[in-house]
């Protein structure tokens, strides 16, 4: 970015902790202005406290529930008013716990809440961000956060798996509807160790076991920075010929055949 070029503007949902925090750090390092949307004010404050003065000045926090259209509209109106543009939308917010218990006991309200946050939130953010993204001089970019669980499951994860499978389909549908002005892709992370990316996380965390790393063909469990790097690539000019895709970033686990011995 040259002194005469205004910085690109990104919006990241679920920004305060976990993978979202890693994405925010990477985008700030790449000179974006980053709007960090989360429903946890104290986690947003904790994230800001870890940034240097220049990066903190380019981070804007906004508390919102992505499943609420009123909240989403309010956030996008604020971005338009204060930044005047939007170049990148990262739909990262989601309920992290995949287990819902036996299907016979899964309450409709609990099912609906997972769908509302993990899937409908992506739709609402995209719906209200599309107009500004279309006007980006660089070409608008949307990155949706899915999960390798859209490809494979453990028992009693129906709501989470369905929400992530919906993100895959939503991604390619949006790519067709919004192209060529906006490119839309998804990332499906596998096991990403985000213990150090939480609010008030300790300076060091206990190391994972060798068996945790060894089951990955890549040789280790993933980090938030691994996913953040893919977001940065998808938002870059190097990725202008990629749209409608879901990129699995799981260290190769979904390609590994497992037999009981």
Protein backbone atom coordinates (compact mmCIF):
# COMPACT_ATOMS: atom_id res chain seq x y z
CA UNK A 1 0.00 0.00 0.00
CA UNK A 2 1.37 3.41 -0.97
CA UNK A 3 0.75 6.58 1.07
CA UNK A 4 -1.79 7.74 -1.52
CA UNK A 5 -3.72 4.45 -1.56
CA UNK A 6 -6.49 4.12 1.04
CA UNK A 7 -6.27 0.91 3.05
CA UNK A 8 -8.58 -1.94 2.24
CA UNK A 9 -11.41 -2.46 4.70
CA UNK A 10 -12.34 -5.89 6.09
CA UNK A 11 -15.16 -7.10 8.28
CA UNK A 12 -14.52 -10.24 10.36
CA UNK A 13 -17.29 -11.86 12.39
CA UNK A 14 -16.50 -13.97 15.43
CA UNK A 15 -13.37 -11.84 15.51
CA UNK A 16 -12.48 -11.66 19.19
CA UNK A 17 -11.32 -15.22 19.88
CA UNK A 18 -10.18 -18.42 18.21
CA UNK A 19 -9.59 -18.52 14.47
CA UNK A 20 -11.18 -15.09 14.12
CA UNK A 21 -8.52 -13.53 16.33
CA UNK A 22 -5.78 -15.00 14.17
CA UNK A 23 -7.47 -13.66 11.03
CA UNK A 24 -7.72 -10.18 12.51
CA UNK A 25 -4.03 -10.16 13.42
CA UNK A 26 -3.05 -11.22 9.89
CA UNK A 27 -5.26 -8.66 8.17
CA UNK A 28 -3.96 -5.87 10.39
CA UNK A 29 -0.40 -6.97 9.56
CA UNK A 30 -1.39 -6.73 5.89
CA UNK A 31 -2.47 -3.09 6.43
CA UNK A 32 -6.24 -3.61 6.37
CA UNK A 33 -8.65 -1.56 8.44
CA UNK A 34 -10.51 -4.32 10.26
CA UNK A 35 -14.01 -4.19 11.67
CA UNK A 36 -14.19 -6.87 14.37
CA UNK A 37 -17.72 -8.09 15.01
CA UNK A 38 -18.34 -10.24 18.07
CA UNK A 39 -20.90 -10.65 20.83
CA UNK A 40 -18.26 -10.48 23.59
CA UNK A 41 -17.13 -6.95 24.46
CA UNK A 42 -14.50 -8.04 26.96
CA UNK A 43 -12.90 -10.38 24.41
CA UNK A 44 -12.76 -7.52 21.89
CA UNK A 45 -11.08 -5.36 24.53
CA UNK A 46 -8.61 -8.16 25.28
CA UNK A 47 -7.75 -8.46 21.59
CA UNK A 48 -7.20 -4.70 21.27
CA UNK A 49 -4.91 -4.71 24.32
CA UNK A 50 -2.55 -7.09 22.49
CA UNK A 51 -2.10 -4.81 19.48
CA UNK A 52 0.46 -2.11 18.88
CA UNK A 53 -0.71 1.52 18.53
CA UNK A 54 -0.87 1.50 14.72
CA UNK A 55 -2.85 -1.73 14.55
CA UNK A 56 -5.15 -0.73 17.40
CA UNK A 57 -5.96 2.46 15.49
CA UNK A 58 -7.06 0.37 12.49
CA UNK A 59 -9.19 -2.04 14.54
CA UNK A 60 -12.84 -1.17 15.10
CA UNK A 61 -14.93 -3.29 17.46
CA UNK A 62 -18.65 -3.79 17.05
CA UNK A 63 -20.81 -5.98 19.27
CA UNK A 64 -23.50 -7.88 17.38
CA UNK A 65 -25.36 -11.16 17.13
CA UNK A 66 -24.93 -12.25 13.50
CA UNK A 67 -28.23 -14.15 13.67
CA UNK A 68 -30.09 -10.84 14.20
CA UNK A 69 -30.85 -8.95 11.00
CA UNK A 70 -31.30 -5.76 13.00
CA UNK A 71 -27.81 -6.12 14.50
CA UNK A 72 -26.29 -6.91 11.10
CA UNK A 73 -27.93 -3.91 9.43
CA UNK A 74 -26.69 -1.64 12.20
CA UNK A 75 -23.10 -2.86 11.82
CA UNK A 76 -23.07 -2.40 8.04
CA UNK A 77 -24.60 1.06 8.31
CA UNK A 78 -21.85 2.02 10.76
CA UNK A 79 -19.12 0.73 8.44
CA UNK A 80 -20.58 2.67 5.53
CA UNK A 81 -20.80 5.81 7.63
CA UNK A 82 -17.34 5.61 9.23
CA UNK A 83 -15.22 3.79 6.61
CA UNK A 84 -17.20 4.43 3.44
CA UNK A 85 -16.22 1.13 1.83
CA UNK A 86 -15.84 -2.62 2.31
CA UNK A 87 -13.45 -4.86 0.39
CA UNK A 88 -13.45 -8.14 2.34
CA UNK A 89 -16.08 -9.97 4.40
CA UNK A 90 -14.95 -12.93 6.51
CA UNK A 91 -17.98 -14.83 7.81
CA UNK A 92 -16.27 -16.61 10.68
CA UNK A 93 -18.79 -16.42 13.55
CA UNK A 94 -20.19 -19.73 14.69
CA UNK A 95 -21.04 -21.85 17.70
CA UNK A 96 -17.94 -23.96 18.24
CA UNK A 97 -19.21 -26.99 20.15
CA UNK A 98 -20.25 -29.64 17.59
CA UNK A 99 -21.99 -32.10 19.92
CA UNK A 100 -25.77 -31.95 20.34
CA UNK A 101 -26.51 -35.20 22.19
CA UNK A 102 -28.83 -37.95 20.94
CA UNK A 103 -30.98 -36.84 18.02
CA UNK A 104 -34.09 -38.05 19.85
CA UNK A 105 -33.38 -35.49 22.57
CA UNK A 106 -32.26 -32.56 20.42
CA UNK A 107 -34.65 -29.67 21.03
CA UNK A 108 -35.84 -27.77 17.98
CA UNK A 109 -34.74 -24.51 19.60
CA UNK A 110 -31.19 -25.83 20.07
CA UNK A 111 -31.06 -27.07 16.47
CA UNK A 112 -32.38 -23.74 15.22
CA UNK A 113 -29.87 -21.69 17.21
CA UNK A 114 -26.95 -23.55 15.61
CA UNK A 115 -28.41 -23.05 12.13
CA UNK A 116 -29.18 -19.39 12.88
CA UNK A 117 -25.66 -18.51 14.02
CA UNK A 118 -23.53 -20.81 11.86
CA UNK A 119 -25.44 -20.52 8.57
CA UNK A 120 -28.07 -17.79 8.64
CA UNK A 121 -25.47 -15.38 10.05
CA UNK A 122 -23.38 -15.91 6.89
CA UNK A 123 -26.44 -15.16 4.76
CA UNK A 124 -27.41 -12.02 6.66
CA UNK A 125 -23.92 -10.55 6.63
CA UNK A 126 -23.58 -11.22 2.92
CA UNK A 127 -27.03 -9.81 2.15
CA UNK A 128 -26.27 -6.49 3.80
CA UNK A 129 -22.59 -6.27 2.77
CA UNK A 130 -23.04 -7.10 -0.92
CA UNK A 131 -23.75 -3.56 -2.10
CA UNK A 132 -20.53 -2.17 -0.61
CA UNK A 133 -18.49 -5.18 -1.70
CA UNK A 134 -19.64 -4.70 -5.30
CA UNK A 135 -18.22 -1.20 -5.21
CA UNK A 136 -14.74 -2.27 -4.05
CA UNK A 137 -12.13 -1.02 -6.52
CA UNK A 138 -10.20 -4.24 -5.94
CA UNK A 139 -13.21 -6.52 -6.46
CA UNK A 140 -15.13 -7.65 -3.41
CA UNK A 141 -14.17 -10.85 -1.59
CA UNK A 142 -16.17 -13.06 0.76
CA UNK A 143 -14.58 -15.89 2.75
CA UNK A 144 -16.98 -18.18 4.61
CA UNK A 145 -15.74 -20.38 7.44
CA UNK A 146 -16.95 -23.96 7.16
CA UNK A 147 -15.42 -27.06 8.77
CA UNK A 148 -14.04 -30.41 7.68
CA UNK A 149 -17.09 -31.76 9.53
CA UNK A 150 -19.11 -30.94 6.43
CA UNK A 151 -17.30 -33.94 4.91
CA UNK A 152 -17.16 -36.33 7.89
CA UNK A 153 -18.84 -36.69 11.26
CA UNK A 154 -18.63 -37.98 14.79
CA UNK A 155 -21.81 -39.25 16.45
CA UNK A 156 -24.35 -36.72 17.71
CA UNK A 157 -23.19 -33.70 15.68
CA UNK A 158 -26.17 -33.32 13.34
CA UNK A 159 -26.91 -29.60 13.84
CA UNK A 160 -23.29 -28.52 13.47
CA UNK A 161 -22.65 -30.77 10.46
CA UNK A 162 -25.81 -29.56 8.73
CA UNK A 163 -24.87 -25.92 9.30
CA UNK A 164 -21.39 -26.44 7.85
CA UNK A 165 -22.73 -28.40 4.87
CA UNK A 166 -25.08 -25.52 4.23
CA UNK A 167 -22.13 -23.12 4.14
CA UNK A 168 -20.53 -25.14 1.35
CA UNK A 169 -23.70 -24.93 -0.76
CA UNK A 170 -24.28 -21.28 0.12
CA UNK A 171 -20.74 -20.48 -0.97
CA UNK A 172 -21.01 -21.81 -4.49
CA UNK A 173 -24.51 -20.38 -4.91
CA UNK A 174 -23.31 -16.92 -3.88
CA UNK A 175 -20.28 -17.18 -6.16
CA UNK A 176 -22.61 -17.62 -9.13
CA UNK A 177 -25.03 -14.90 -8.04
CA UNK A 178 -22.46 -12.27 -7.07
CA UNK A 179 -19.73 -12.84 -9.64
CA UNK A 180 -17.80 -11.38 -11.27
CA UNK A 181 -17.86 -8.31 -9.01
CA UNK A 182 -17.52 -10.42 -5.86
CA UNK A 183 -15.60 -13.66 -5.40
CA UNK A 184 -16.92 -16.07 -2.76
CA UNK A 185 -14.97 -18.98 -1.28
CA UNK A 186 -15.01 -21.02 1.90
CA UNK A 187 -12.37 -22.57 4.14
CA UNK A 188 -13.05 -25.84 5.95
CA UNK A 189 -10.59 -26.08 8.85
CA UNK A 190 -9.86 -29.36 10.57
CA UNK A 191 -8.34 -29.55 14.04
CA UNK A 192 -7.06 -26.06 14.84
CA UNK A 193 -5.55 -25.50 18.29
CA UNK A 194 -6.90 -22.12 19.40
CA UNK A 195 -6.26 -22.37 23.14
CA UNK A 196 -3.82 -19.45 22.95
CA UNK A 197 -6.34 -17.36 20.99
CA UNK A 198 -8.92 -17.01 23.77
CA UNK A 199 -9.70 -14.09 26.04
CA UNK A 200 -7.17 -13.88 28.89
CA UNK A 201 -5.29 -16.91 27.56
CA UNK A 202 -2.09 -17.78 29.48
CA UNK A 203 1.27 -17.02 27.90
CA UNK A 204 1.90 -20.75 27.45
CA UNK A 205 -0.45 -23.72 27.05
CA UNK A 206 0.24 -27.38 27.69
CA UNK A 207 1.66 -29.10 24.61
CA UNK A 208 -0.58 -31.49 22.72
CA UNK A 209 0.28 -35.19 22.65
CA UNK A 210 2.43 -36.76 19.96
CA UNK A 211 -0.58 -38.86 18.90
CA UNK A 212 -2.56 -35.66 18.29
CA UNK A 213 0.02 -34.45 15.81
CA UNK A 214 0.87 -37.84 14.32
CA UNK A 215 -2.65 -38.52 13.03
CA UNK A 216 -2.19 -35.58 10.64
CA UNK A 217 -0.34 -36.39 7.39
CA UNK A 218 1.07 -32.84 7.61
CA UNK A 219 2.71 -33.81 10.90
CA UNK A 220 0.95 -31.49 13.32
CA UNK A 221 -2.30 -29.98 14.54
CA UNK A 222 -3.20 -26.68 12.90
CA UNK A 223 -2.86 -23.13 14.24
CA UNK A 224 -5.06 -20.08 13.74
CA UNK A 225 -2.30 -18.54 11.64
CA UNK A 226 -2.64 -21.42 9.14
CA UNK A 227 -6.24 -20.42 8.43
CA UNK A 228 -5.46 -16.70 8.53
CA UNK A 229 -2.86 -17.21 5.81
CA UNK A 230 -5.44 -18.82 3.55
CA UNK A 231 -7.83 -15.91 4.14
CA UNK A 232 -5.06 -13.49 3.17
CA UNK A 233 -4.37 -15.48 0.01
CA UNK A 234 -8.04 -15.62 -1.01
CA UNK A 235 -8.27 -11.86 -0.51
CA UNK A 236 -5.18 -11.21 -2.64
CA UNK A 237 -4.76 -10.62 -6.38
CA UNK A 238 -3.13 -14.07 -6.58
CA UNK A 239 -6.56 -15.65 -6.04
CA UNK A 240 -8.60 -13.73 -8.61
CA UNK A 241 -9.33 -16.93 -10.59
CA UNK A 242 -10.69 -18.82 -7.57
CA UNK A 243 -14.37 -18.58 -6.67
CA UNK A 244 -17.12 -20.90 -5.52
CA UNK A 245 -14.65 -23.25 -3.84
CA UNK A 246 -14.37 -24.78 -0.38
CA UNK A 247 -10.71 -25.26 0.55
CA UNK A 248 -10.15 -27.99 3.15
CA UNK A 249 -7.31 -27.08 5.55
CA UNK A 250 -7.02 -30.07 7.88
CA UNK A 251 -3.44 -31.26 7.62
CA UNK A 252 -4.64 -34.08 5.37
CA UNK A 253 -6.85 -35.83 7.93
CA UNK A 254 -9.85 -36.21 5.64
CA UNK A 255 -7.60 -38.04 3.13
CA UNK A 256 -6.30 -40.56 5.64
CA UNK A 257 -7.90 -44.00 5.71
CA UNK A 258 -8.35 -45.32 9.23
CA UNK A 259 -8.86 -49.01 10.02
CA UNK A 260 -9.40 -50.53 13.47
CA UNK A 261 -6.78 -53.16 14.33
